Amino acid sequence: MANKSGLLALLAGIGLCFLALVLTGCDRSGSAGGPGATAAGTKPPVFGEADNTFNLTTSSVSIKQGDTEKGTIGIKRGTNFDQDVAITLTEIPTGVTIEPSSLAIKHGDADVKFTLKAADNAAPGEYTVKVTGHPAKGGDATNQFKLTVAKKDSFTLSPSFWTTGVKQGETKAVAVGIHREKRFDQEVTLKITGLPKGVTAEPATIVIKAGDADAKFALKASDDAAIGDFSATLTGHPTAGADATHEFKFSVARK
């Protein structure tokens, strides 16, 4: 009989724990803050305890180099806790910034939203960002979230030629191909720099459309174009993210 009573007590305890998980959004990480968390002679409150306390809720964020992502910090308020809470995020990896720089959950709000921005050279990896909530009165609450920085979906340029030749007064048609990594489907604007005197690229604006594998343009040499072997730089500028460059060589011969 005693064993049966013990089993029933255990099952009841498990049921209460499950109910607490449901009521608190299945997030029991971090520590509580507020006046109830620091009152003299009291035990540290558990997550969601109905006292003059609060807890912060978080969720993981994944971001790619060169991109922006939204994040949210939520709050679970105990009975009688209605203060504004200033939010601080620390241990953010190099190359990632938070906007706005000042965050707060107002007393009538359930969360605060922010934007993460990853630079093109942000180091890929998994990081733990520390979250601190500071109320007007009482102790701070803490939590954390996982931040994953992934390599950007990039592209490379591949001219259909390694070297090409053009004569003075001549126009030579050429093409530039693009190799796209997975999910990279942006339009890319091309720019050519380093052309010698008398040599121009036409059209002036060269674009590889989102669904295209290449773009065609022409090298045009004037009648008095400089003669010799030259190198020029082809730069591809996507809608978002880092540019890609490729150097190509060509020669200009006497007509």
C-alpha atoms as a PDB file:
ATOM      1  CA  MET A   1       0.000   0.000   0.000  1.00  0.00           C
ATOM      2  CA  ALA A   2       2.864   2.317   0.877  1.00  0.00           C
ATOM      3  CA  ASN A   3       4.519   1.532  -2.442  1.00  0.00           C
ATOM      4  CA  LYS A   4       1.281   2.360  -4.257  1.00  0.00           C
ATOM      5  CA  SER A   5       0.985   5.696  -2.451  1.00  0.00           C
ATOM      6  CA  GLY A   6       4.587   6.542  -3.327  1.00  0.00           C
ATOM      7  CA  LEU A   7       3.952   5.755  -6.986  1.00  0.00           C
ATOM      8  CA  LEU A   8       0.866   7.961  -7.039  1.00  0.00           C
ATOM      9  CA  ALA A   9       2.815  10.817  -5.468  1.00  0.00           C
ATOM     10  CA  LEU A  10       5.552  10.424  -8.071  1.00  0.00           C
ATOM     11  CA  LEU A  11       3.044  10.474 -10.936  1.00  0.00           C
ATOM     12  CA  ALA A  12       1.371  13.538  -9.468  1.00  0.00           C
ATOM     13  CA  GLY A  13       4.721  15.285  -9.266  1.00  0.00           C
ATOM     14  CA  ILE A  14       5.479  14.474 -12.880  1.00  0.00           C
ATOM     15  CA  GLY A  15       2.068  15.800 -13.878  1.00  0.00           C
ATOM     16  CA  LEU A  16       2.677  19.072 -12.082  1.00  0.00           C
ATOM     17  CA  CYS A  17       6.079  19.468 -13.721  1.00  0.00           C
ATOM     18  CA  PHE A  18       4.531  18.828 -17.136  1.00  0.00           C
ATOM     19  CA  LEU A  19       1.842  21.420 -16.455  1.00  0.00           C
ATOM     20  CA  ALA A  20       4.478  23.934 -15.400  1.00  0.00           C
ATOM     21  CA  LEU A  21       6.360  23.326 -18.638  1.00  0.00           C
ATOM     22  CA  VAL A  22       3.220  23.948 -20.694  1.00  0.00           C
ATOM     23  CA  LEU A  23       2.365  27.121 -18.822  1.00  0.00           C
ATOM     24  CA  THR A  24       5.857  28.552 -19.194  1.00  0.00           C
ATOM     25  CA  GLY A  25       6.328  27.752 -22.883  1.00  0.00           C
ATOM     26  CA  CYS A  26       8.651  24.776 -22.242  1.00  0.00           C
ATOM     27  CA  ASP A  27      11.529  27.105 -21.445  1.00  0.00           C
ATOM     28  CA  ARG A  28      13.031  26.758 -17.992  1.00  0.00           C
ATOM     29  CA  SER A  29      16.506  28.095 -18.753  1.00  0.00           C
ATOM     30  CA  GLY A  30      18.024  31.221 -17.260  1.00  0.00           C
ATOM     31  CA  SER A  31      17.429  32.808 -13.891  1.00  0.00           C
ATOM     32  CA  ALA A  32      14.540  34.952 -12.607  1.00  0.00           C
ATOM     33  CA  GLY A  33      14.772  38.637 -11.768  1.00  0.00           C
ATOM     34  CA  GLY A  34      12.695  41.327 -10.090  1.00  0.00           C
ATOM     35  CA  PRO A  35      12.067  42.256  -6.439  1.00  0.00           C
ATOM     36  CA  GLY A  36      10.763  38.758  -5.645  1.00  0.00           C
ATOM     37  CA  ALA A  37      14.036  37.241  -6.755  1.00  0.00           C
ATOM     38  CA  THR A  38      16.131  39.242  -4.291  1.00  0.00           C
ATOM     39  CA  ALA A  39      13.808  39.601  -1.305  1.00  0.00           C
ATOM     40  CA  ALA A  40      15.547  38.754   1.970  1.00  0.00           C
ATOM     41  CA  GLY A  41      14.785  35.345   3.436  1.00  0.00           C
ATOM     42  CA  THR A  42      13.267  33.894   0.270  1.00  0.00           C
ATOM     43  CA  LYS A  43      14.444  31.003  -1.866  1.00  0.00           C
ATOM     44  CA  PRO A  44      15.453  31.679  -5.488  1.00  0.00           C
ATOM     45  CA  PRO A  45      12.217  31.470  -7.518  1.00  0.00           C
ATOM     46  CA  VAL A  46      11.772  28.863 -10.199  1.00  0.00           C
ATOM     47  CA  PHE A  47      10.799  29.795 -13.744  1.00  0.00           C
ATOM     48  CA  GLY A  48       7.258  31.165 -13.902  1.00  0.00           C
ATOM     49  CA  GLU A  49       6.755  31.300 -10.147  1.00  0.00           C
ATOM     50  CA  ALA A  50       3.778  33.557  -9.397  1.00  0.00           C
ATOM     51  CA  ASP A  51       5.627  36.172  -7.386  1.00  0.00           C
ATOM     52  CA  ASN A  52       6.982  39.647  -8.032  1.00  0.00           C
ATOM     53  CA  THR A  53       9.465  38.191 -10.538  1.00  0.00           C
ATOM     54  CA  PHE A  54      10.017  37.790 -14.253  1.00  0.00           C
ATOM     55  CA  ASN A  55      11.875  35.502 -16.641  1.00  0.00           C
ATOM     56  CA  LEU A  56      13.183  36.076 -20.161  1.00  0.00           C
ATOM     57  CA  THR A  57      12.438  33.743 -23.076  1.00  0.00           C
ATOM     58  CA  THR A  58      14.642  33.340 -26.128  1.00  0.00           C
ATOM     59  CA  SER A  59      14.923  31.380 -29.353  1.00  0.00           C
ATOM     60  CA  SER A  60      17.846  30.413 -31.567  1.00  0.00           C
ATOM     61  CA  VAL A  61      18.812  32.579 -34.539  1.00  0.00           C
ATOM     62  CA  SER A  62      20.626  31.540 -37.732  1.00  0.00           C
ATOM     63  CA  ILE A  63      22.176  34.109 -40.039  1.00  0.00           C
ATOM     64  CA  LYS A  64      24.380  34.049 -43.125  1.00  0.00           C
ATOM     65  CA  GLN A  65      27.357  36.283 -43.815  1.00  0.00           C
ATOM     66  CA  GLY A  66      26.161  39.541 -45.371  1.00  0.00           C
ATOM     67  CA  ASP A  67      22.549  39.008 -44.285  1.00  0.00           C
ATOM     68  CA  THR A  68      20.159  40.340 -41.619  1.00  0.00           C
ATOM     69  CA  GLU A  69      17.794  38.354 -39.414  1.00  0.00           C
ATOM     70  CA  LYS A  70      15.130  39.242 -36.863  1.00  0.00           C
ATOM     71  CA  GLY A  71      15.263  38.131 -33.238  1.00  0.00           C
ATOM     72  CA  THR A  72      12.880  38.344 -30.279  1.00  0.00           C
ATOM     73  CA  ILE A  73      13.345  38.410 -26.515  1.00  0.00           C
ATOM     74  CA  GLY A  74      10.132  37.593 -24.625  1.00  0.00           C
ATOM     75  CA  ILE A  75       9.149  38.022 -21.004  1.00  0.00           C
ATOM     76  CA  LYS A  76       7.127  35.869 -18.594  1.00  0.00           C
ATOM     77  CA  ARG A  77       5.798  38.077 -15.798  1.00  0.00           C
ATOM     78  CA  GLY A  78       4.905  36.795 -12.356  1.00  0.00           C
ATOM     79  CA  THR A  79       2.006  38.239 -10.398  1.00  0.00           C
ATOM     80  CA  ASN A  80       2.471  41.940  -9.522  1.00  0.00           C
ATOM     81  CA  PHE A  81       5.513  42.408 -11.796  1.00  0.00           C
ATOM     82  CA  ASP A  82       4.729  45.203 -14.285  1.00  0.00           C
ATOM     83  CA  GLN A  83       8.027  47.060 -14.674  1.00  0.00           C
ATOM     84  CA  ASP A  84       9.938  48.098 -17.784  1.00  0.00           C
ATOM     85  CA  VAL A  85      12.956  45.829 -18.324  1.00  0.00           C
ATOM     86  CA  ALA A  86      16.134  46.973 -20.085  1.00  0.00           C
ATOM     87  CA  ILE A  87      17.660  44.212 -22.226  1.00  0.00           C
ATOM     88  CA  THR A  88      21.397  43.743 -22.794  1.00  0.00           C
ATOM     89  CA  LEU A  89      22.937  41.244 -25.223  1.00  0.00           C
ATOM     90  CA  THR A  90      26.587  40.298 -24.682  1.00  0.00           C
ATOM     91  CA  GLU A  91      29.189  37.887 -26.082  1.00  0.00           C
ATOM     92  CA  ILE A  92      28.112  38.714 -29.625  1.00  0.00           C
ATOM     93  CA  PRO A  93      30.686  37.403 -32.129  1.00  0.00           C
ATOM     94  CA  THR A  94      32.925  39.738 -34.106  1.00  0.00           C
ATOM     95  CA  GLY A  95      31.288  40.868 -37.331  1.00  0.00           C
ATOM     96  CA  VAL A  96      27.726  40.662 -35.973  1.00  0.00           C
ATOM     97  CA  THR A  97      25.885  43.770 -34.768  1.00  0.00           C
ATOM     98  CA  ILE A  98      22.552  44.352 -33.030  1.00  0.00           C
ATOM     99  CA  GLU A  99      20.068  47.087 -33.947  1.00  0.00           C
ATOM    100  CA  PRO A 100      18.795  49.042 -32.193  1.00  0.00           C
ATOM    101  CA  SER A 101      21.696  49.269 -29.749  1.00  0.00           C
ATOM    102  CA  SER A 102      19.305  49.975 -26.853  1.00  0.00           C
ATOM    103  CA  LEU A 103      16.587  47.388 -26.133  1.00  0.00           C
ATOM    104  CA  ALA A 104      13.789  47.385 -23.563  1.00  0.00           C
ATOM    105  CA  ILE A 105      10.558  45.508 -22.904  1.00  0.00           C
ATOM    106  CA  LYS A 106       7.966  48.074 -21.822  1.00  0.00           C
ATOM    107  CA  HIS A 107       5.684  47.227 -18.904  1.00  0.00           C
ATOM    108  CA  GLY A 108       2.722  46.601 -21.216  1.00  0.00           C
ATOM    109  CA  ASP A 109       4.627  44.550 -23.797  1.00  0.00           C
ATOM    110  CA  ALA A 110       5.289  40.825 -24.039  1.00  0.00           C
ATOM    111  CA  ASP A 111       8.568  41.044 -25.962  1.00  0.00           C
ATOM    112  CA  VAL A 112      11.091  43.214 -27.792  1.00  0.00           C
ATOM    113  CA  LYS A 113      12.324  42.657 -31.338  1.00  0.00           C
ATOM    114  CA  PHE A 114      15.774  43.373 -32.737  1.00  0.00           C
ATOM    115  CA  THR A 115      17.782  42.925 -35.929  1.00  0.00           C
ATOM    116  CA  LEU A 116      21.034  41.000 -36.269  1.00  0.00           C
ATOM    117  CA  LYS A 117      23.408  42.048 -39.048  1.00  0.00           C
ATOM    118  CA  ALA A 118      26.316  39.845 -40.101  1.00  0.00           C
ATOM    119  CA  ALA A 119      29.212  41.356 -42.016  1.00  0.00           C
ATOM    120  CA  ASP A 120      30.524  39.610 -45.124  1.00  0.00           C
ATOM    121  CA  ASN A 121      33.584  38.519 -43.117  1.00  0.00           C
ATOM    122  CA  ALA A 122      31.763  37.444 -39.940  1.00  0.00           C
ATOM    123  CA  ALA A 123      33.325  34.203 -38.694  1.00  0.00           C
ATOM    124  CA  PRO A 124      31.088  31.167 -39.332  1.00  0.00           C
ATOM    125  CA  GLY A 125      30.269  29.061 -36.271  1.00  0.00           C
ATOM    126  CA  GLU A 126      27.904  28.527 -33.371  1.00  0.00           C
ATOM    127  CA  TYR A 127      27.887  31.051 -30.536  1.00  0.00           C
ATOM    128  CA  THR A 128      26.038  31.572 -27.257  1.00  0.00           C
ATOM    129  CA  VAL A 129      24.692  35.089 -26.767  1.00  0.00           C
ATOM    130  CA  LYS A 130      24.054  36.108 -23.168  1.00  0.00           C
ATOM    131  CA  VAL A 131      20.809  37.962 -22.406  1.00  0.00           C
ATOM    132  CA  THR A 132      20.319  40.099 -19.282  1.00  0.00           C
ATOM    133  CA  GLY A 133      17.088  41.797 -18.244  1.00  0.00           C
ATOM    134  CA  HIS A 134      17.482  44.704 -15.816  1.00  0.00           C
ATOM    135  CA  PRO A 135      14.289  45.968 -14.118  1.00  0.00           C
ATOM    136  CA  ALA A 136      13.873  49.343 -12.422  1.00  0.00           C
ATOM    137  CA  LYS A 137      13.744  47.535  -9.055  1.00  0.00           C
ATOM    138  CA  GLY A 138      14.990  44.126  -8.017  1.00  0.00           C
ATOM    139  CA  GLY A 139      17.523  41.709  -9.424  1.00  0.00           C
ATOM    140  CA  ASP A 140      18.414  41.010 -13.038  1.00  0.00           C
ATOM    141  CA  ALA A 141      17.096  38.028 -14.984  1.00  0.00           C
ATOM    142  CA  THR A 142      19.387  36.090 -17.319  1.00  0.00           C
ATOM    143  CA  ASN A 143      19.056  33.752 -20.272  1.00  0.00           C
ATOM    144  CA  GLN A 144      20.898  32.955 -23.487  1.00  0.00           C
ATOM    145  CA  PHE A 145      20.327  31.874 -27.072  1.00  0.00           C
ATOM    146  CA  LYS A 146      22.286  30.054 -29.737  1.00  0.00           C
ATOM    147  CA  LEU A 147      23.459  32.143 -32.673  1.00  0.00           C
ATOM    148  CA  THR A 148      24.601  30.298 -35.800  1.00  0.00           C
ATOM    149  CA  VAL A 149      26.597  32.202 -38.421  1.00  0.00           C
ATOM    150  CA  ALA A 150      26.748  30.398 -41.775  1.00  0.00           C
ATOM    151  CA  LYS A 151      28.744  31.071 -44.901  1.00  0.00           C
ATOM    152  CA  LYS A 152      26.949  33.241 -47.405  1.00  0.00           C
ATOM    153  CA  ASP A 153      25.468  31.808 -50.548  1.00  0.00           C
ATOM    154  CA  SER A 154      28.013  33.180 -52.985  1.00  0.00           C
ATOM    155  CA  PHE A 155      28.967  33.051 -56.646  1.00  0.00           C
ATOM    156  CA  THR A 156      32.019  33.073 -58.873  1.00  0.00           C
ATOM    157  CA  LEU A 157      32.517  34.553 -62.318  1.00  0.00           C
ATOM    158  CA  SER A 158      33.917  32.495 -65.166  1.00  0.00           C
ATOM    159  CA  PRO A 159      34.619  34.291 -68.451  1.00  0.00           C
ATOM    160  CA  SER A 160      34.293  32.059 -71.501  1.00  0.00           C
ATOM    161  CA  PHE A 161      37.889  32.911 -72.321  1.00  0.00           C
ATOM    162  CA  TRP A 162      41.224  33.056 -70.539  1.00  0.00           C
ATOM    163  CA  THR A 163      42.787  35.341 -73.123  1.00  0.00           C
ATOM    164  CA  THR A 164      41.301  37.064 -76.128  1.00  0.00           C
ATOM    165  CA  GLY A 165      42.610  39.342 -78.811  1.00  0.00           C
ATOM    166  CA  VAL A 166      41.187  42.371 -80.546  1.00  0.00           C
ATOM    167  CA  LYS A 167      42.606  44.566 -83.282  1.00  0.00           C
ATOM    168  CA  GLN A 168      42.517  48.337 -83.474  1.00  0.00           C
ATOM    169  CA  GLY A 169      39.122  49.365 -84.919  1.00  0.00           C
ATOM    170  CA  GLU A 170      37.647  45.955 -84.143  1.00  0.00           C
ATOM    171  CA  THR A 171      34.822  44.822 -81.823  1.00  0.00           C
ATOM    172  CA  LYS A 172      35.040  41.382 -80.196  1.00  0.00           C
ATOM    173  CA  ALA A 173      32.011  39.685 -78.594  1.00  0.00           C
ATOM    174  CA  VAL A 174      32.705  37.865 -75.300  1.00  0.00           C
ATOM    175  CA  ALA A 175      30.615  36.273 -72.527  1.00  0.00           C
ATOM    176  CA  VAL A 176      30.935  35.975 -68.762  1.00  0.00           C
ATOM    177  CA  GLY A 177      29.386  32.992 -67.003  1.00  0.00           C
ATOM    178  CA  ILE A 178      28.358  32.659 -63.373  1.00  0.00           C
ATOM    179  CA  HIS A 179      28.605  29.714 -60.993  1.00  0.00           C
ATOM    180  CA  ARG A 180      25.969  29.989 -58.269  1.00  0.00           C
ATOM    181  CA  GLU A 181      26.143  28.264 -54.917  1.00  0.00           C
ATOM    182  CA  LYS A 182      22.982  26.739 -53.470  1.00  0.00           C
ATOM    183  CA  ARG A 183      20.154  29.246 -52.956  1.00  0.00           C
ATOM    184  CA  PHE A 184      22.076  32.116 -54.595  1.00  0.00           C
ATOM    185  CA  ASP A 185      19.587  33.430 -57.151  1.00  0.00           C
ATOM    186  CA  GLN A 186      20.333  37.140 -57.209  1.00  0.00           C
ATOM    187  CA  GLU A 187      20.856  39.457 -60.137  1.00  0.00           C
ATOM    188  CA  VAL A 188      24.533  40.430 -60.538  1.00  0.00           C
ATOM    189  CA  THR A 189      25.741  43.702 -62.081  1.00  0.00           C
ATOM    190  CA  LEU A 190      29.142  43.534 -63.780  1.00  0.00           C
ATOM    191  CA  LYS A 191      31.784  46.248 -63.954  1.00  0.00           C
ATOM    192  CA  ILE A 192      35.069  46.182 -65.882  1.00  0.00           C
ATOM    193  CA  THR A 193      38.042  48.234 -64.693  1.00  0.00           C
ATOM    194  CA  GLY A 194      41.623  48.532 -65.876  1.00  0.00           C
ATOM    195  CA  LEU A 195      40.932  48.722 -69.608  1.00  0.00           C
ATOM    196  CA  PRO A 196      43.726  50.438 -71.575  1.00  0.00           C
ATOM    197  CA  LYS A 197      43.380  53.649 -73.534  1.00  0.00           C
ATOM    198  CA  GLY A 198      41.063  53.275 -76.510  1.00  0.00           C
ATOM    199  CA  VAL A 199      39.361  50.065 -75.325  1.00  0.00           C
ATOM    200  CA  THR A 200      35.801  50.132 -73.999  1.00  0.00           C
ATOM    201  CA  ALA A 201      33.194  47.588 -72.911  1.00  0.00           C
ATOM    202  CA  GLU A 202      29.696  47.746 -74.386  1.00  0.00           C
ATOM    203  CA  PRO A 203      27.058  48.000 -73.086  1.00  0.00           C
ATOM    204  CA  ALA A 204      28.172  50.254 -70.238  1.00  0.00           C
ATOM    205  CA  THR A 205      25.987  48.322 -67.788  1.00  0.00           C
ATOM    206  CA  ILE A 206      26.260  44.528 -67.949  1.00  0.00           C
ATOM    207  CA  VAL A 207      23.820  42.446 -65.907  1.00  0.00           C
ATOM    208  CA  ILE A 208      23.499  38.699 -65.329  1.00  0.00           C
ATOM    209  CA  LYS A 209      19.802  38.222 -64.635  1.00  0.00           C
ATOM    210  CA  ALA A 210      18.636  36.046 -61.762  1.00  0.00           C
ATOM    211  CA  GLY A 211      17.702  33.149 -64.043  1.00  0.00           C
ATOM    212  CA  ASP A 212      20.589  33.478 -66.510  1.00  0.00           C
ATOM    213  CA  ALA A 213      23.867  31.563 -66.648  1.00  0.00           C
ATOM    214  CA  ASP A 214      25.887  34.294 -68.345  1.00  0.00           C
ATOM    215  CA  ALA A 215      25.940  37.789 -69.806  1.00  0.00           C
ATOM    216  CA  LYS A 216      27.360  38.911 -73.148  1.00  0.00           C
ATOM    217  CA  PHE A 217      29.232  42.101 -73.904  1.00  0.00           C
ATOM    218  CA  ALA A 218      31.755  43.407 -76.414  1.00  0.00           C
ATOM    219  CA  LEU A 219      35.287  44.755 -76.217  1.00  0.00           C
ATOM    220  CA  LYS A 220      35.672  47.603 -78.674  1.00  0.00           C
ATOM    221  CA  ALA A 221      39.082  48.955 -79.657  1.00  0.00           C
ATOM    222  CA  SER A 222      39.354  52.355 -81.309  1.00  0.00           C
ATOM    223  CA  ASP A 223      41.591  52.961 -84.315  1.00  0.00           C
ATOM    224  CA  ASP A 224      44.282  54.396 -82.038  1.00  0.00           C
ATOM    225  CA  ALA A 225      43.859  51.987 -79.100  1.00  0.00           C
ATOM    226  CA  ALA A 226      47.034  51.167 -77.168  1.00  0.00           C
ATOM    227  CA  ILE A 227      48.805  48.078 -78.507  1.00  0.00           C
ATOM    228  CA  GLY A 228      50.036  45.274 -76.257  1.00  0.00           C
ATOM    229  CA  ASP A 229      48.995  42.683 -73.660  1.00  0.00           C
ATOM    230  CA  PHE A 230      46.715  43.866 -70.855  1.00  0.00           C
ATOM    231  CA  SER A 231      44.836  42.674 -67.761  1.00  0.00           C
ATOM    232  CA  ALA A 232      41.451  43.985 -66.653  1.00  0.00           C
ATOM    233  CA  THR A 233      39.311  43.212 -63.628  1.00  0.00           C
ATOM    234  CA  LEU A 234      35.740  42.029 -63.835  1.00  0.00           C
ATOM    235  CA  THR A 235      33.684  42.734 -60.679  1.00  0.00           C
ATOM    236  CA  GLY A 236      30.274  41.221 -60.015  1.00  0.00           C
ATOM    237  CA  HIS A 237      28.057  43.116 -57.563  1.00  0.00           C
ATOM    238  CA  PRO A 238      25.017  41.174 -56.224  1.00  0.00           C
ATOM    239  CA  THR A 239      21.867  42.679 -54.777  1.00  0.00           C
ATOM    240  CA  ALA A 240      23.075  41.666 -51.304  1.00  0.00           C
ATOM    241  CA  GLY A 241      26.355  40.278 -50.012  1.00  0.00           C
ATOM    242  CA  ALA A 242      29.953  40.538 -51.121  1.00  0.00           C
ATOM    243  CA  ASP A 243      31.272  41.235 -54.618  1.00  0.00           C
ATOM    244  CA  ALA A 244      33.157  38.653 -56.667  1.00  0.00           C
ATOM    245  CA  THR A 245      36.105  39.545 -58.897  1.00  0.00           C
ATOM    246  CA  HIS A 246      37.912  37.878 -61.763  1.00  0.00           C
ATOM    247  CA  GLU A 247      40.954  39.027 -63.729  1.00  0.00           C
ATOM    248  CA  PHE A 248      41.097  38.430 -67.452  1.00  0.00           C
ATOM    249  CA  LYS A 249      43.824  39.032 -69.999  1.00  0.00           C
ATOM    250  CA  PHE A 250      43.569  40.264 -73.566  1.00  0.00           C
ATOM    251  CA  SER A 251      45.733  41.747 -76.251  1.00  0.00           C
ATOM    252  CA  VAL A 252      45.325  44.616 -78.668  1.00  0.00           C
ATOM    253  CA  ALA A 253      47.009  44.227 -82.054  1.00  0.00           C
ATOM    254  CA  ARG A 254      47.723  46.700 -84.806  1.00  0.00           C
ATOM    255  CA  LYS A 255      44.994  46.806 -87.464  1.00  0.00           C
END
